[in-house]
């Protein structure tokens, strides 16, 4: 039996909580802003903008977000763009992924 099987696992780094280094990786300067925008023909998209040094794999996060909200999307620079209005569901996803709630803001 594995010695780590009874420990809680961090959702971001997949390491046991006592060995997790995610708090050190997420910079205090990092800000995540979630907002809506309109594209061609009035279609609504939800954008997740990462401000500051993050060093995250946005493509992996995009894959999880697309699966969570059942929508298409893409990565453009430091932003994740998803089709449709999903601000609150994406905030919950980011919190579940281990991001502190105080660095995530929803813009109207």
N, C-alpha and C. Protein backbone atom coordinates (compact mmCIF):
# COMPACT_ATOMS: atom_id res chain seq x y z
N UNK A 1 0.84 -1.18 0.00
CA UNK A 1 0.00 0.00 0.00
C UNK A 1 0.89 1.24 0.00
N UNK A 2 0.49 2.24 -0.78
CA UNK A 2 1.25 3.47 -0.91
C UNK A 2 1.15 4.30 0.36
N UNK A 3 2.27 4.89 0.78
CA UNK A 3 2.26 5.66 2.03
C UNK A 3 1.51 6.98 1.89
N UNK A 4 1.21 7.43 0.65
CA UNK A 4 0.50 8.67 0.43
C UNK A 4 -0.99 8.47 0.17
N UNK A 5 -1.48 7.26 0.17
CA UNK A 5 -2.85 6.99 -0.23
C UNK A 5 -3.89 7.56 0.73
N UNK A 6 -3.55 7.74 2.01
CA UNK A 6 -4.53 8.25 2.96
C UNK A 6 -4.43 9.76 3.17
N UNK A 7 -3.53 10.44 2.42
CA UNK A 7 -3.37 11.88 2.57
C UNK A 7 -4.19 12.63 1.52
N UNK A 8 -4.54 13.87 1.87
CA UNK A 8 -5.27 14.73 0.94
C UNK A 8 -4.32 15.22 -0.14
N UNK A 9 -4.79 15.26 -1.39
CA UNK A 9 -3.97 15.62 -2.54
C UNK A 9 -4.32 17.04 -2.99
N UNK A 10 -3.29 17.83 -3.31
CA UNK A 10 -3.48 19.18 -3.83
C UNK A 10 -3.99 19.09 -5.27
N UNK A 11 -5.07 19.82 -5.64
CA UNK A 11 -5.61 19.73 -7.00
C UNK A 11 -4.72 20.39 -8.06
N UNK A 12 -3.83 21.31 -7.66
CA UNK A 12 -2.99 22.00 -8.64
C UNK A 12 -1.74 21.20 -9.01
N UNK A 13 -1.02 20.68 -7.99
CA UNK A 13 0.26 20.02 -8.28
C UNK A 13 0.19 18.50 -8.12
N UNK A 14 -0.95 17.97 -7.66
CA UNK A 14 -1.15 16.54 -7.46
C UNK A 14 -0.17 15.92 -6.47
N UNK A 15 0.30 16.72 -5.52
CA UNK A 15 1.19 16.25 -4.46
C UNK A 15 0.39 16.20 -3.16
N UNK A 16 0.83 15.41 -2.19
CA UNK A 16 0.17 15.44 -0.88
C UNK A 16 0.23 16.85 -0.30
N UNK A 17 -0.80 17.23 0.45
CA UNK A 17 -0.91 18.59 0.99
C UNK A 17 0.32 19.01 1.80
N UNK A 18 0.92 18.09 2.56
CA UNK A 18 2.08 18.48 3.37
C UNK A 18 3.34 18.70 2.53
N UNK A 19 3.36 18.22 1.28
CA UNK A 19 4.50 18.43 0.39
C UNK A 19 4.20 19.47 -0.69
N UNK A 20 3.00 20.05 -0.70
CA UNK A 20 2.55 20.99 -1.73
C UNK A 20 3.39 22.27 -1.69
N UNK A 21 3.73 22.76 -2.88
CA UNK A 21 4.49 24.00 -3.01
C UNK A 21 3.71 25.05 -3.79
N UNK A 22 2.43 24.85 -3.99
CA UNK A 22 1.63 25.76 -4.81
C UNK A 22 1.57 27.16 -4.22
N UNK A 23 1.52 27.28 -2.90
CA UNK A 23 1.47 28.60 -2.29
C UNK A 23 2.72 29.41 -2.62
N UNK A 24 3.84 28.75 -2.76
CA UNK A 24 5.08 29.44 -3.11
C UNK A 24 5.12 29.79 -4.60
N UNK A 25 4.43 29.02 -5.42
CA UNK A 25 4.45 29.26 -6.86
C UNK A 25 3.55 30.41 -7.28
N UNK A 26 2.44 30.60 -6.57
CA UNK A 26 1.50 31.65 -6.93
C UNK A 26 1.99 32.95 -6.32
N UNK A 27 2.32 33.89 -7.17
CA UNK A 27 2.86 35.16 -6.74
C UNK A 27 1.77 36.02 -6.09
N UNK A 28 2.18 36.83 -5.12
CA UNK A 28 1.24 37.75 -4.49
C UNK A 28 0.78 38.82 -5.48
N UNK A 29 1.55 39.04 -6.51
CA UNK A 29 1.21 40.04 -7.51
C UNK A 29 0.20 39.54 -8.52
N UNK A 30 -0.06 38.25 -8.55
CA UNK A 30 -0.98 37.66 -9.51
C UNK A 30 -2.40 38.12 -9.23
N UNK A 31 -3.07 38.57 -10.26
CA UNK A 31 -4.48 38.91 -10.20
C UNK A 31 -5.19 38.18 -11.33
N UNK A 32 -6.37 37.67 -11.03
CA UNK A 32 -7.18 37.00 -12.04
C UNK A 32 -8.48 37.78 -12.15
N UNK A 33 -8.78 38.24 -13.35
CA UNK A 33 -9.99 39.02 -13.59
C UNK A 33 -10.85 38.24 -14.58
N UNK A 34 -12.11 38.02 -14.19
CA UNK A 34 -13.06 37.31 -15.05
C UNK A 34 -14.11 38.32 -15.50
N UNK A 35 -14.31 38.42 -16.81
CA UNK A 35 -15.29 39.38 -17.33
C UNK A 35 -15.87 38.90 -18.65
N UNK A 36 -16.97 39.54 -19.06
CA UNK A 36 -17.63 39.21 -20.32
C UNK A 36 -17.30 40.26 -21.36
N UNK A 37 -17.34 39.85 -22.62
CA UNK A 37 -17.14 40.76 -23.74
C UNK A 37 -18.06 40.29 -24.86
N UNK A 38 -18.28 41.15 -25.84
CA UNK A 38 -19.11 40.78 -26.99
C UNK A 38 -18.23 40.68 -28.22
N UNK A 39 -18.51 39.70 -29.03
CA UNK A 39 -17.80 39.48 -30.28
C UNK A 39 -18.75 39.74 -31.44
N UNK A 40 -18.37 39.25 -32.61
CA UNK A 40 -19.19 39.43 -33.81
C UNK A 40 -20.63 38.99 -33.58
N UNK A 41 -21.53 39.70 -34.17
CA UNK A 41 -22.96 39.41 -34.14
C UNK A 41 -23.53 39.34 -32.72
N UNK A 42 -22.91 40.05 -31.78
CA UNK A 42 -23.42 40.15 -30.41
C UNK A 42 -23.23 38.92 -29.55
N UNK A 43 -22.36 38.01 -29.96
CA UNK A 43 -22.12 36.81 -29.17
C UNK A 43 -21.31 37.15 -27.92
N UNK A 44 -21.70 36.59 -26.78
CA UNK A 44 -21.02 36.85 -25.51
C UNK A 44 -19.92 35.81 -25.30
N UNK A 45 -18.75 36.29 -24.86
CA UNK A 45 -17.65 35.42 -24.47
C UNK A 45 -17.21 35.79 -23.06
N UNK A 46 -16.70 34.82 -22.32
CA UNK A 46 -16.16 35.05 -20.99
C UNK A 46 -14.65 34.96 -21.07
N UNK A 47 -13.98 35.96 -20.51
CA UNK A 47 -12.52 36.03 -20.54
C UNK A 47 -11.97 35.91 -19.13
N UNK A 48 -10.90 35.12 -18.98
CA UNK A 48 -10.16 35.03 -17.72
C UNK A 48 -8.80 35.63 -18.01
N UNK A 49 -8.52 36.78 -17.40
CA UNK A 49 -7.28 37.50 -17.64
C UNK A 49 -6.34 37.32 -16.46
N UNK A 50 -5.10 36.94 -16.74
CA UNK A 50 -4.09 36.72 -15.71
C UNK A 50 -3.11 37.89 -15.74
N UNK A 51 -3.10 38.71 -14.69
CA UNK A 51 -2.20 39.86 -14.58
C UNK A 51 -1.09 39.51 -13.60
N UNK A 52 0.13 39.70 -14.01
CA UNK A 52 1.28 39.41 -13.15
C UNK A 52 1.98 38.14 -13.59
N UNK A 53 3.03 37.79 -12.86
CA UNK A 53 3.83 36.61 -13.16
C UNK A 53 3.13 35.37 -12.63
N UNK A 54 2.71 34.49 -13.53
CA UNK A 54 1.97 33.31 -13.08
C UNK A 54 2.67 32.00 -13.41
N UNK A 55 3.29 31.87 -14.54
CA UNK A 55 3.99 30.63 -14.89
C UNK A 55 3.08 29.42 -14.97
N UNK A 56 1.80 29.63 -15.28
CA UNK A 56 0.83 28.55 -15.35
C UNK A 56 0.71 28.01 -16.75
N UNK A 57 0.26 26.78 -16.85
CA UNK A 57 -0.05 26.19 -18.15
C UNK A 57 -1.50 26.54 -18.47
N UNK A 58 -1.69 27.60 -19.25
CA UNK A 58 -3.04 28.07 -19.55
C UNK A 58 -3.80 27.09 -20.43
N UNK A 59 -3.10 26.33 -21.25
CA UNK A 59 -3.78 25.35 -22.10
C UNK A 59 -4.40 24.23 -21.27
N UNK A 60 -3.72 23.81 -20.22
CA UNK A 60 -4.28 22.79 -19.33
C UNK A 60 -5.50 23.34 -18.59
N UNK A 61 -5.40 24.58 -18.12
CA UNK A 61 -6.52 25.23 -17.43
C UNK A 61 -7.69 25.43 -18.39
N UNK A 62 -7.41 25.77 -19.64
CA UNK A 62 -8.45 25.92 -20.66
C UNK A 62 -9.19 24.60 -20.87
N UNK A 63 -8.44 23.53 -20.94
CA UNK A 63 -9.04 22.21 -21.15
C UNK A 63 -10.02 21.87 -20.02
N UNK A 64 -9.62 22.15 -18.77
CA UNK A 64 -10.50 21.90 -17.63
C UNK A 64 -11.72 22.81 -17.65
N UNK A 65 -11.52 24.08 -18.03
CA UNK A 65 -12.63 25.04 -18.08
C UNK A 65 -13.63 24.66 -19.17
N UNK A 66 -13.14 24.26 -20.33
CA UNK A 66 -14.04 23.86 -21.42
C UNK A 66 -14.86 22.64 -21.03
N UNK A 67 -14.24 21.73 -20.32
CA UNK A 67 -14.96 20.54 -19.86
C UNK A 67 -16.00 20.91 -18.80
N UNK A 68 -15.66 21.85 -17.92
CA UNK A 68 -16.56 22.25 -16.84
C UNK A 68 -17.82 22.95 -17.37
N UNK A 69 -17.65 23.86 -18.34
CA UNK A 69 -18.79 24.65 -18.82
C UNK A 69 -19.35 24.15 -20.14
N UNK A 70 -18.80 23.08 -20.68
CA UNK A 70 -19.27 22.48 -21.94
C UNK A 70 -19.35 23.52 -23.05
N UNK A 71 -18.22 24.16 -23.29
CA UNK A 71 -18.16 25.23 -24.28
C UNK A 71 -16.81 25.21 -24.97
N UNK A 72 -16.74 25.85 -26.12
CA UNK A 72 -15.48 25.99 -26.82
C UNK A 72 -14.70 27.16 -26.28
N UNK A 73 -13.41 27.19 -26.57
CA UNK A 73 -12.60 28.30 -26.09
C UNK A 73 -11.19 28.25 -26.65
N UNK A 74 -10.41 29.27 -26.29
CA UNK A 74 -9.04 29.38 -26.78
C UNK A 74 -8.20 30.17 -25.78
N UNK A 75 -6.88 30.12 -25.98
CA UNK A 75 -5.95 30.92 -25.20
C UNK A 75 -5.41 32.00 -26.13
N UNK A 76 -5.48 33.26 -25.69
CA UNK A 76 -4.92 34.38 -26.45
C UNK A 76 -4.03 35.19 -25.52
N UNK A 77 -2.74 35.04 -25.67
CA UNK A 77 -1.81 35.75 -24.80
C UNK A 77 -1.92 35.26 -23.37
N UNK A 78 -2.25 36.16 -22.45
CA UNK A 78 -2.44 35.82 -21.04
C UNK A 78 -3.91 35.71 -20.67
N UNK A 79 -4.75 35.43 -21.65
CA UNK A 79 -6.19 35.32 -21.41
C UNK A 79 -6.73 33.99 -21.92
N UNK A 80 -7.71 33.50 -21.20
CA UNK A 80 -8.49 32.34 -21.64
C UNK A 80 -9.84 32.87 -22.06
N UNK A 81 -10.28 32.48 -23.24
CA UNK A 81 -11.55 32.96 -23.79
C UNK A 81 -12.48 31.77 -23.99
N UNK A 82 -13.68 31.85 -23.42
CA UNK A 82 -14.67 30.79 -23.55
C UNK A 82 -15.97 31.36 -24.12
N UNK A 83 -16.61 30.61 -24.99
CA UNK A 83 -17.86 31.06 -25.57
C UNK A 83 -18.99 30.96 -24.54
N UNK A 84 -19.77 32.02 -24.42
CA UNK A 84 -20.90 32.04 -23.50
C UNK A 84 -20.60 32.80 -22.23
N UNK A 85 -21.61 32.92 -21.36
CA UNK A 85 -21.50 33.66 -20.10
C UNK A 85 -21.31 32.67 -18.97
N UNK A 86 -20.09 32.60 -18.42
CA UNK A 86 -19.75 31.59 -17.41
C UNK A 86 -18.95 32.16 -16.26
N UNK A 87 -19.07 33.43 -15.94
CA UNK A 87 -18.19 34.08 -14.96
C UNK A 87 -18.17 33.37 -13.61
N UNK A 88 -19.33 33.09 -13.05
CA UNK A 88 -19.40 32.55 -11.70
C UNK A 88 -18.97 31.08 -11.65
N UNK A 89 -19.28 30.32 -12.69
CA UNK A 89 -18.85 28.92 -12.74
C UNK A 89 -17.33 28.83 -12.87
N UNK A 90 -16.73 29.76 -13.62
CA UNK A 90 -15.29 29.75 -13.79
C UNK A 90 -14.58 30.19 -12.51
N UNK A 91 -15.17 31.11 -11.75
CA UNK A 91 -14.57 31.49 -10.47
C UNK A 91 -14.54 30.28 -9.54
N UNK A 92 -15.64 29.54 -9.50
CA UNK A 92 -15.69 28.34 -8.66
C UNK A 92 -14.66 27.32 -9.13
N UNK A 93 -14.49 27.15 -10.43
CA UNK A 93 -13.49 26.23 -10.96
C UNK A 93 -12.08 26.63 -10.52
N UNK A 94 -11.76 27.92 -10.61
CA UNK A 94 -10.43 28.38 -10.23
C UNK A 94 -10.17 28.17 -8.74
N UNK A 95 -11.19 28.39 -7.91
CA UNK A 95 -11.04 28.14 -6.47
C UNK A 95 -10.84 26.66 -6.22
N UNK A 96 -11.59 25.81 -6.93
CA UNK A 96 -11.42 24.36 -6.79
C UNK A 96 -10.04 23.90 -7.25
N UNK A 97 -9.43 24.63 -8.18
CA UNK A 97 -8.10 24.29 -8.69
C UNK A 97 -7.00 24.75 -7.74
N UNK A 98 -7.36 25.48 -6.68
CA UNK A 98 -6.37 25.86 -5.68
C UNK A 98 -5.96 27.32 -5.67
N UNK A 99 -6.56 28.14 -6.51
CA UNK A 99 -6.25 29.57 -6.49
C UNK A 99 -6.94 30.23 -5.31
N UNK A 100 -6.27 31.14 -4.61
CA UNK A 100 -6.90 31.84 -3.49
C UNK A 100 -8.04 32.73 -3.99
N UNK A 101 -9.14 32.74 -3.25
CA UNK A 101 -10.32 33.49 -3.67
C UNK A 101 -10.06 34.99 -3.70
N UNK A 102 -9.15 35.49 -2.88
CA UNK A 102 -8.92 36.93 -2.82
C UNK A 102 -8.17 37.49 -4.03
N UNK A 103 -7.57 36.67 -4.88
CA UNK A 103 -6.91 37.18 -6.08
C UNK A 103 -7.81 37.11 -7.31
N UNK A 104 -9.01 36.54 -7.17
CA UNK A 104 -9.94 36.37 -8.27
C UNK A 104 -11.04 37.42 -8.13
N UNK A 105 -11.24 38.22 -9.18
CA UNK A 105 -12.32 39.21 -9.14
C UNK A 105 -13.17 39.06 -10.40
N UNK A 106 -14.46 39.32 -10.23
CA UNK A 106 -15.40 39.28 -11.34
C UNK A 106 -15.77 40.71 -11.68
N UNK A 107 -15.56 41.08 -12.94
CA UNK A 107 -15.84 42.43 -13.41
C UNK A 107 -17.18 42.39 -14.18
N UNK A 108 -17.98 43.38 -13.94
CA UNK A 108 -19.30 43.44 -14.62
C UNK A 108 -19.17 43.85 -16.06
